[in-house]
Structures are given as C-alpha cells and as structure tokens.
Amino acid sequence: MPERNSVLAALPYPEYRRLVPALEPVVLEFGDVLHEVGAPIRYVYFPVDCVVGLLTEFDSQRTVATGLVGHEGMVGIPLALDDGVSSVRAVVQVAGTALRMLAARFTNEFQRSLQLQRYLYRYAQAELNLARQIAACVASHLFEQRLAGWLLMVDDRSGPQKMFLTHEHLASVLNVRRVSVTLACGVLSARGFIRCNRGNVSILDRKGLERAAGHCYRPIKICTM
C-alpha cells in the first residue's frame, strides 16, 4: 500500500523501510475532518485512494476549496515548512484509505531525509500554484467551468471509483448556492459529460468535460503534475 502514494514511492528503499513501522493504515469516510484551522497538526496523511479537500475560511460561516490532495501528495504540508498549526480545514471528499503518521515522527524523519525534503518542497510549491489558479478561476470563470474543473481534479486523484459528491457538498466547498450546482450539473449531464445519481457522480466523457472546463483545468493540471 505505501508505494501507491507518490511521496512514499519517491523515497529510497532504506528510507521507505524505516518509515513503514510508523505508518498506520486508516479508512477515511466522506466528510471526515482531518485538520482544523488554527489547530495543531497531530498527524500527517498520505492518501492512497482517498481525496482530501483543503478549505480556506473567509468568514465564520463560509469556506472555499483552495486545494485537493490525493495519492500524489500529503495532508499536513505546513509541518514540512516548520509550522505545526493548520491554516486550512482538511475534509475528506472521496472516501478511501490513507496512511497516517504522528506529526512528531514525521518531523524527525523529514529532518533526516534529503529526498523527502526535496519532494515535499516541490509539492508545497505545486499546492501554492494550485491555490493561485483556483483563486483566478473563482474570479474570472463561469461556475459551469469551475465545476467541470473541480470534478476533473477530484477524478485525477480518486481513481476508478465513483465520486460521492452531493449538490449540497459541492455548493459548500465551491462557495455557491445549491441551485447553481443543480443547474450546472444539469447542463453537464445534458451534454453527456457526467451522470449524477443520488450523490454519485460518474464522468462519462472526460475529453468533453475538459473542453467544458477550459482554463479552469488545463493550467491546474500543469501546475500539479
């Protein structure tokens, strides 16, 4: 299982073997909260087949998604930047499995491993680029484009399983009214790009959905590769 996470797979074998005893497999359910804004980070998570959204609060009642983490990354990147407090709310978007490690153990291993430092510094830059691009999309693009881009990003990180994403949940993470999600999903479904059924979202025509997303996906795909 560890090798299915790109961070762990990038490590030299001796370093990877040293980490294995400290990695705890966990099953994460849709909606599980892993980190809270302003709270100490107790664990880092290496997703295997789950997807975690990073939500930024901009007032007491509203949040907007500014990042996604799947098998390509790690939840808890502030620890790699010498900050033990979370600046985002990390919420599971697609249920699945992950490997978690106590923050103190991760910090120790991070200081010992040059390869881990190199990978996570690059990944931190990719997270920053993604947040910038998402902010630009929120300011500049139609919601239909944003929704298409978000579904593609989730699909990139979730693998073959169906995405369980209710209209209410999508409205919350994308900071729009629920009716906006319903209308946009209706348009994308009518064009044959997706199928929505009781919260389960399936992508039927990925190329078509990419065209619908336009610049809400292509630059994002590049900055997270």
C-alpha atoms as a PDB file:
ATOM      1  CA  MET A   1       0.000   0.000   0.000  1.00  0.00           C
ATOM      2  CA  PRO A   2       2.663   2.669   0.822  1.00  0.00           C
ATOM      3  CA  GLU A   3       4.099   2.552  -2.692  1.00  0.00           C
ATOM      4  CA  ARG A   4       0.699   3.658  -4.059  1.00  0.00           C
ATOM      5  CA  ASN A   5       1.327   7.096  -2.556  1.00  0.00           C
ATOM      6  CA  SER A   6       3.750   9.092  -4.699  1.00  0.00           C
ATOM      7  CA  VAL A   7       5.531  10.743  -1.761  1.00  0.00           C
ATOM      8  CA  LEU A   8       6.388   7.397  -0.193  1.00  0.00           C
ATOM      9  CA  ALA A   9       7.163   5.794  -3.546  1.00  0.00           C
ATOM     10  CA  ALA A  10       9.757   8.504  -4.261  1.00  0.00           C
ATOM     11  CA  LEU A  11      11.853   7.578  -1.222  1.00  0.00           C
ATOM     12  CA  PRO A  12      14.974   5.414  -1.468  1.00  0.00           C
ATOM     13  CA  TYR A  13      14.156   1.900  -0.307  1.00  0.00           C
ATOM     14  CA  PRO A  14      16.122   2.072   3.012  1.00  0.00           C
ATOM     15  CA  GLU A  15      14.292   5.276   3.993  1.00  0.00           C
ATOM     16  CA  TYR A  16      10.952   3.836   2.952  1.00  0.00           C
ATOM     17  CA  ARG A  17      11.549   0.727   5.075  1.00  0.00           C
ATOM     18  CA  ARG A  18      12.434   2.914   8.058  1.00  0.00           C
ATOM     19  CA  LEU A  19       9.088   4.699   7.766  1.00  0.00           C
ATOM     20  CA  VAL A  20       6.896   1.610   7.429  1.00  0.00           C
ATOM     21  CA  PRO A  21       6.532   0.830  11.167  1.00  0.00           C
ATOM     22  CA  ALA A  22       5.359   4.410  11.795  1.00  0.00           C
ATOM     23  CA  LEU A  23       2.686   4.344   9.071  1.00  0.00           C
ATOM     24  CA  GLU A  24      -0.804   3.474  10.291  1.00  0.00           C
ATOM     25  CA  PRO A  25      -3.398   2.423   7.671  1.00  0.00           C
ATOM     26  CA  VAL A  26      -6.713   4.225   8.186  1.00  0.00           C
ATOM     27  CA  VAL A  27     -10.060   4.135   6.414  1.00  0.00           C
ATOM     28  CA  LEU A  28     -11.412   7.634   5.830  1.00  0.00           C
ATOM     29  CA  GLU A  29     -15.082   8.357   5.190  1.00  0.00           C
ATOM     30  CA  PHE A  30     -16.658  11.138   3.165  1.00  0.00           C
ATOM     31  CA  GLY A  31     -16.830  14.278   5.315  1.00  0.00           C
ATOM     32  CA  ASP A  32     -14.199  13.246   7.881  1.00  0.00           C
ATOM     33  CA  VAL A  33     -12.299  16.288   9.163  1.00  0.00           C
ATOM     34  CA  LEU A  34      -8.551  15.642   9.417  1.00  0.00           C
ATOM     35  CA  HIS A  35      -7.305  19.129  10.302  1.00  0.00           C
ATOM     36  CA  GLU A  36      -8.995  22.277  11.591  1.00  0.00           C
ATOM     37  CA  VAL A  37      -7.925  25.883  11.021  1.00  0.00           C
ATOM     38  CA  GLY A  38      -5.702  27.086  13.851  1.00  0.00           C
ATOM     39  CA  ALA A  39      -5.425  23.655  15.474  1.00  0.00           C
ATOM     40  CA  PRO A  40      -2.152  21.768  15.992  1.00  0.00           C
ATOM     41  CA  ILE A  41      -1.440  19.128  13.355  1.00  0.00           C
ATOM     42  CA  ARG A  42      -1.392  15.769  15.156  1.00  0.00           C
ATOM     43  CA  TYR A  43      -0.981  13.537  12.110  1.00  0.00           C
ATOM     44  CA  VAL A  44       0.135  13.793   8.519  1.00  0.00           C
ATOM     45  CA  TYR A  45      -1.808  11.720   5.990  1.00  0.00           C
ATOM     46  CA  PHE A  46      -0.533  10.030   2.840  1.00  0.00           C
ATOM     47  CA  PRO A  47      -3.648   9.304   0.736  1.00  0.00           C
ATOM     48  CA  VAL A  48      -3.730   6.025  -1.149  1.00  0.00           C
ATOM     49  CA  ASP A  49      -7.119   6.091  -2.868  1.00  0.00           C
ATOM     50  CA  CYS A  50      -8.991   8.807  -0.967  1.00  0.00           C
ATOM     51  CA  VAL A  51      -9.152  12.513  -1.799  1.00  0.00           C
ATOM     52  CA  VAL A  52      -8.933  15.329   0.746  1.00  0.00           C
ATOM     53  CA  GLY A  53     -10.070  18.899   0.138  1.00  0.00           C
ATOM     54  CA  LEU A  54      -8.273  21.868   1.670  1.00  0.00           C
ATOM     55  CA  LEU A  55     -10.843  24.501   2.620  1.00  0.00           C
ATOM     56  CA  THR A  56      -9.994  28.102   3.441  1.00  0.00           C
ATOM     57  CA  GLU A  57     -12.299  30.036   5.777  1.00  0.00           C
ATOM     58  CA  PHE A  58     -13.058  33.643   4.880  1.00  0.00           C
ATOM     59  CA  ASP A  59     -15.700  34.324   7.498  1.00  0.00           C
ATOM     60  CA  SER A  60     -17.349  32.448  10.353  1.00  0.00           C
ATOM     61  CA  GLN A  61     -19.822  30.612   8.127  1.00  0.00           C
ATOM     62  CA  ARG A  62     -18.254  30.215   4.695  1.00  0.00           C
ATOM     63  CA  THR A  63     -15.341  28.287   3.266  1.00  0.00           C
ATOM     64  CA  VAL A  64     -13.997  27.777  -0.232  1.00  0.00           C
ATOM     65  CA  ALA A  65     -11.846  24.946  -1.529  1.00  0.00           C
ATOM     66  CA  THR A  66      -8.317  26.075  -2.349  1.00  0.00           C
ATOM     67  CA  GLY A  67      -6.655  22.691  -2.768  1.00  0.00           C
ATOM     68  CA  LEU A  68      -7.041  18.946  -3.236  1.00  0.00           C
ATOM     69  CA  VAL A  69      -4.762  16.148  -2.090  1.00  0.00           C
ATOM     70  CA  GLY A  70      -4.792  12.600  -3.415  1.00  0.00           C
ATOM     71  CA  HIS A  71      -2.252   9.855  -3.932  1.00  0.00           C
ATOM     72  CA  GLU A  72       0.215  12.378  -5.349  1.00  0.00           C
ATOM     73  CA  GLY A  73       0.720  14.204  -2.064  1.00  0.00           C
ATOM     74  CA  MET A  74       0.443  14.581   1.690  1.00  0.00           C
ATOM     75  CA  VAL A  75      -2.022  16.287   4.007  1.00  0.00           C
ATOM     76  CA  GLY A  76      -0.123  18.324   6.594  1.00  0.00           C
ATOM     77  CA  ILE A  77       2.383  20.136   4.401  1.00  0.00           C
ATOM     78  CA  PRO A  78       2.848  23.007   6.946  1.00  0.00           C
ATOM     79  CA  LEU A  79       4.959  20.610   9.035  1.00  0.00           C
ATOM     80  CA  ALA A  80       7.457  20.464   6.180  1.00  0.00           C
ATOM     81  CA  LEU A  81       7.650  24.263   6.390  1.00  0.00           C
ATOM     82  CA  ASP A  82       8.295  24.280  10.148  1.00  0.00           C
ATOM     83  CA  ASP A  83       4.718  25.191  11.074  1.00  0.00           C
ATOM     84  CA  GLY A  84       2.787  22.834  13.312  1.00  0.00           C
ATOM     85  CA  VAL A  85      -0.580  24.601  13.011  1.00  0.00           C
ATOM     86  CA  SER A  86      -3.050  24.046  10.180  1.00  0.00           C
ATOM     87  CA  SER A  87      -4.096  27.052   8.099  1.00  0.00           C
ATOM     88  CA  VAL A  88      -6.877  25.122   6.328  1.00  0.00           C
ATOM     89  CA  ARG A  89      -9.713  22.755   7.118  1.00  0.00           C
ATOM     90  CA  ALA A  90      -8.866  19.352   5.615  1.00  0.00           C
ATOM     91  CA  VAL A  91     -12.027  17.386   4.776  1.00  0.00           C
ATOM     92  CA  VAL A  92     -12.328  14.037   3.003  1.00  0.00           C
ATOM     93  CA  GLN A  93     -14.001  14.478  -0.410  1.00  0.00           C
ATOM     94  CA  VAL A  94     -13.780  10.873  -1.617  1.00  0.00           C
ATOM     95  CA  ALA A  95     -13.745   8.019   0.880  1.00  0.00           C
ATOM     96  CA  GLY A  96     -10.865   5.578   0.834  1.00  0.00           C
ATOM     97  CA  THR A  97      -7.650   4.614   2.557  1.00  0.00           C
ATOM     98  CA  ALA A  98      -4.623   6.569   3.703  1.00  0.00           C
ATOM     99  CA  LEU A  99      -1.512   6.066   5.776  1.00  0.00           C
ATOM    100  CA  ARG A 100      -1.020   8.400   8.688  1.00  0.00           C
ATOM    101  CA  MET A 101       1.978   9.231  10.830  1.00  0.00           C
ATOM    102  CA  LEU A 102       2.310  11.126  14.085  1.00  0.00           C
ATOM    103  CA  ALA A 103       3.477  14.685  13.493  1.00  0.00           C
ATOM    104  CA  ALA A 104       6.487  14.366  15.795  1.00  0.00           C
ATOM    105  CA  ARG A 105       7.710  11.245  13.995  1.00  0.00           C
ATOM    106  CA  PHE A 106       7.203  12.876  10.609  1.00  0.00           C
ATOM    107  CA  THR A 107       9.203  15.944  11.659  1.00  0.00           C
ATOM    108  CA  ASN A 108      12.063  13.733  12.781  1.00  0.00           C
ATOM    109  CA  GLU A 109      12.066  11.726   9.550  1.00  0.00           C
ATOM    110  CA  PHE A 110      11.744  14.844   7.422  1.00  0.00           C
ATOM    111  CA  GLN A 111      14.864  16.318   9.008  1.00  0.00           C
ATOM    112  CA  ARG A 112      16.778  13.104   8.264  1.00  0.00           C
ATOM    113  CA  SER A 113      15.714  12.609   4.640  1.00  0.00           C
ATOM    114  CA  LEU A 114      17.040  14.881   1.897  1.00  0.00           C
ATOM    115  CA  GLN A 115      14.886  13.098  -0.687  1.00  0.00           C
ATOM    116  CA  LEU A 116      11.726  13.653   1.364  1.00  0.00           C
ATOM    117  CA  GLN A 117      12.628  17.320   1.774  1.00  0.00           C
ATOM    118  CA  ARG A 118      13.148  17.766  -1.974  1.00  0.00           C
ATOM    119  CA  TYR A 119       9.876  16.077  -2.889  1.00  0.00           C
ATOM    120  CA  LEU A 120       7.755  17.915  -0.340  1.00  0.00           C
ATOM    121  CA  TYR A 121       9.264  21.321  -1.103  1.00  0.00           C
ATOM    122  CA  ARG A 122       8.315  20.792  -4.759  1.00  0.00           C
ATOM    123  CA  TYR A 123       4.897  19.584  -3.678  1.00  0.00           C
ATOM    124  CA  ALA A 124       4.400  22.646  -1.451  1.00  0.00           C
ATOM    125  CA  GLN A 125       5.108  24.831  -4.487  1.00  0.00           C
ATOM    126  CA  ALA A 126       2.557  22.842  -6.503  1.00  0.00           C
ATOM    127  CA  GLU A 127      -0.034  23.361  -3.740  1.00  0.00           C
ATOM    128  CA  LEU A 128       0.612  27.106  -3.817  1.00  0.00           C
ATOM    129  CA  ASN A 129       0.297  27.200  -7.608  1.00  0.00           C
ATOM    130  CA  LEU A 130      -2.965  25.268  -7.402  1.00  0.00           C
ATOM    131  CA  ALA A 131      -4.409  27.674  -4.824  1.00  0.00           C
ATOM    132  CA  ARG A 132      -3.494  30.643  -7.025  1.00  0.00           C
ATOM    133  CA  GLN A 133      -5.096  29.103 -10.086  1.00  0.00           C
ATOM    134  CA  ILE A 134      -8.278  28.209  -8.194  1.00  0.00           C
ATOM    135  CA  ALA A 135      -8.496  31.811  -6.948  1.00  0.00           C
ATOM    136  CA  ALA A 136      -8.129  33.077 -10.518  1.00  0.00           C
ATOM    137  CA  CYS A 137     -10.880  30.724 -11.695  1.00  0.00           C
ATOM    138  CA  VAL A 138     -13.253  31.890  -8.949  1.00  0.00           C
ATOM    139  CA  ALA A 139     -12.716  35.490 -10.023  1.00  0.00           C
ATOM    140  CA  SER A 140     -12.821  35.009 -13.789  1.00  0.00           C
ATOM    141  CA  HIS A 141     -14.796  31.976 -14.943  1.00  0.00           C
ATOM    142  CA  LEU A 142     -18.391  30.808 -15.127  1.00  0.00           C
ATOM    143  CA  PHE A 143     -19.458  28.361 -12.438  1.00  0.00           C
ATOM    144  CA  GLU A 144     -20.118  25.641 -15.008  1.00  0.00           C
ATOM    145  CA  GLN A 145     -16.423  25.798 -15.963  1.00  0.00           C
ATOM    146  CA  ARG A 146     -15.340  25.769 -12.324  1.00  0.00           C
ATOM    147  CA  LEU A 147     -17.497  22.744 -11.547  1.00  0.00           C
ATOM    148  CA  ALA A 148     -16.153  20.841 -14.547  1.00  0.00           C
ATOM    149  CA  GLY A 149     -12.584  21.632 -13.484  1.00  0.00           C
ATOM    150  CA  TRP A 150     -13.238  20.580  -9.888  1.00  0.00           C
ATOM    151  CA  LEU A 151     -14.755  17.249 -10.952  1.00  0.00           C
ATOM    152  CA  LEU A 152     -11.734  16.576 -13.170  1.00  0.00           C
ATOM    153  CA  MET A 153      -9.322  17.353 -10.341  1.00  0.00           C
ATOM    154  CA  VAL A 154     -11.173  15.035  -7.973  1.00  0.00           C
ATOM    155  CA  ASP A 155     -11.242  12.316 -10.638  1.00  0.00           C
ATOM    156  CA  ASP A 156      -7.482  12.673 -11.212  1.00  0.00           C
ATOM    157  CA  ARG A 157      -6.894  11.846  -7.571  1.00  0.00           C
ATOM    158  CA  SER A 158      -9.642   9.320  -6.840  1.00  0.00           C
ATOM    159  CA  GLY A 159      -9.017   6.547  -9.349  1.00  0.00           C
ATOM    160  CA  PRO A 160     -11.758   4.400 -10.882  1.00  0.00           C
ATOM    161  CA  GLN A 161     -14.312   4.548  -8.067  1.00  0.00           C
ATOM    162  CA  LYS A 162     -17.406   6.729  -8.343  1.00  0.00           C
ATOM    163  CA  MET A 163     -17.285  10.116  -6.686  1.00  0.00           C
ATOM    164  CA  PHE A 164     -19.878  10.652  -3.957  1.00  0.00           C
ATOM    165  CA  LEU A 165     -20.416  14.400  -4.112  1.00  0.00           C
ATOM    166  CA  THR A 166     -23.839  15.752  -3.212  1.00  0.00           C
ATOM    167  CA  HIS A 167     -25.058  19.055  -4.622  1.00  0.00           C
ATOM    168  CA  GLU A 168     -25.114  20.465  -1.100  1.00  0.00           C
ATOM    169  CA  HIS A 169     -21.499  19.447  -0.525  1.00  0.00           C
ATOM    170  CA  LEU A 170     -20.326  20.867  -3.850  1.00  0.00           C
ATOM    171  CA  ALA A 171     -22.120  24.124  -3.084  1.00  0.00           C
ATOM    172  CA  SER A 172     -20.331  24.313   0.253  1.00  0.00           C
ATOM    173  CA  VAL A 173     -16.785  23.664  -0.980  1.00  0.00           C
ATOM    174  CA  LEU A 174     -17.167  25.829  -4.087  1.00  0.00           C
ATOM    175  CA  ASN A 175     -18.980  28.626  -2.204  1.00  0.00           C
ATOM    176  CA  VAL A 176     -22.073  28.904  -4.369  1.00  0.00           C
ATOM    177  CA  ARG A 177     -25.788  28.357  -3.868  1.00  0.00           C
ATOM    178  CA  ARG A 178     -27.067  24.807  -4.176  1.00  0.00           C
ATOM    179  CA  VAL A 179     -29.278  25.784  -7.101  1.00  0.00           C
ATOM    180  CA  SER A 180     -26.157  26.845  -9.023  1.00  0.00           C
ATOM    181  CA  VAL A 181     -24.727  23.337  -8.622  1.00  0.00           C
ATOM    182  CA  THR A 182     -28.014  21.752  -9.690  1.00  0.00           C
ATOM    183  CA  LEU A 183     -28.191  23.891 -12.824  1.00  0.00           C
ATOM    184  CA  ALA A 184     -24.536  23.331 -13.776  1.00  0.00           C
ATOM    185  CA  CYS A 185     -24.791  19.567 -13.203  1.00  0.00           C
ATOM    186  CA  GLY A 186     -27.906  19.564 -15.372  1.00  0.00           C
ATOM    187  CA  VAL A 187     -26.054  21.269 -18.214  1.00  0.00           C
ATOM    188  CA  LEU A 188     -23.046  18.936 -17.991  1.00  0.00           C
ATOM    189  CA  SER A 189     -25.333  15.895 -17.781  1.00  0.00           C
ATOM    190  CA  ALA A 190     -27.406  17.024 -20.776  1.00  0.00           C
ATOM    191  CA  ARG A 191     -24.213  17.333 -22.813  1.00  0.00           C
ATOM    192  CA  GLY A 192     -23.327  13.753 -21.915  1.00  0.00           C
ATOM    193  CA  PHE A 193     -20.216  14.621 -19.905  1.00  0.00           C
ATOM    194  CA  ILE A 194     -21.321  13.336 -16.474  1.00  0.00           C
ATOM    195  CA  ARG A 195     -24.026  11.274 -14.802  1.00  0.00           C
ATOM    196  CA  CYS A 196     -25.402  12.220 -11.369  1.00  0.00           C
ATOM    197  CA  ASN A 197     -27.420   9.727  -9.341  1.00  0.00           C
ATOM    198  CA  ARG A 198     -28.189  10.235  -5.646  1.00  0.00           C
ATOM    199  CA  GLY A 199     -24.885  11.896  -4.914  1.00  0.00           C
ATOM    200  CA  ASN A 200     -22.778   9.592  -7.077  1.00  0.00           C
ATOM    201  CA  VAL A 201     -21.048  11.428  -9.916  1.00  0.00           C
ATOM    202  CA  SER A 202     -19.595   9.498 -12.851  1.00  0.00           C
ATOM    203  CA  ILE A 203     -17.595  11.067 -15.671  1.00  0.00           C
ATOM    204  CA  LEU A 204     -18.860   9.689 -18.992  1.00  0.00           C
ATOM    205  CA  ASP A 205     -16.903  11.850 -21.443  1.00  0.00           C
ATOM    206  CA  ARG A 206     -13.650  13.093 -19.965  1.00  0.00           C
ATOM    207  CA  LYS A 207     -12.480  14.903 -23.101  1.00  0.00           C
ATOM    208  CA  GLY A 208     -15.796  16.703 -23.317  1.00  0.00           C
ATOM    209  CA  LEU A 209     -15.604  17.669 -19.646  1.00  0.00           C
ATOM    210  CA  GLU A 210     -12.080  19.002 -20.192  1.00  0.00           C
ATOM    211  CA  ARG A 211     -13.373  21.175 -23.032  1.00  0.00           C
ATOM    212  CA  ALA A 212     -16.166  22.429 -20.780  1.00  0.00           C
ATOM    213  CA  ALA A 213     -13.656  23.285 -18.038  1.00  0.00           C
ATOM    214  CA  GLY A 214     -11.289  25.103 -20.389  1.00  0.00           C
ATOM    215  CA  HIS A 215      -8.798  27.213 -18.449  1.00  0.00           C
ATOM    216  CA  CYS A 216     -10.302  26.043 -15.152  1.00  0.00           C
ATOM    217  CA  TYR A 217      -8.469  22.757 -15.673  1.00  0.00           C
ATOM    218  CA  ARG A 218      -5.588  22.939 -18.143  1.00  0.00           C
ATOM    219  CA  PRO A 219      -3.330  25.279 -16.107  1.00  0.00           C
ATOM    220  CA  ILE A 220      -4.271  23.408 -12.924  1.00  0.00           C
ATOM    221  CA  LYS A 221      -3.331  20.088 -14.493  1.00  0.00           C
ATOM    222  CA  ILE A 222       0.050  21.520 -15.444  1.00  0.00           C
ATOM    223  CA  CYS A 223       0.814  23.040 -12.028  1.00  0.00           C
ATOM    224  CA  THR A 224       0.053  19.783 -10.183  1.00  0.00           C
ATOM    225  CA  MET A 225       1.999  17.411 -12.446  1.00  0.00           C
END
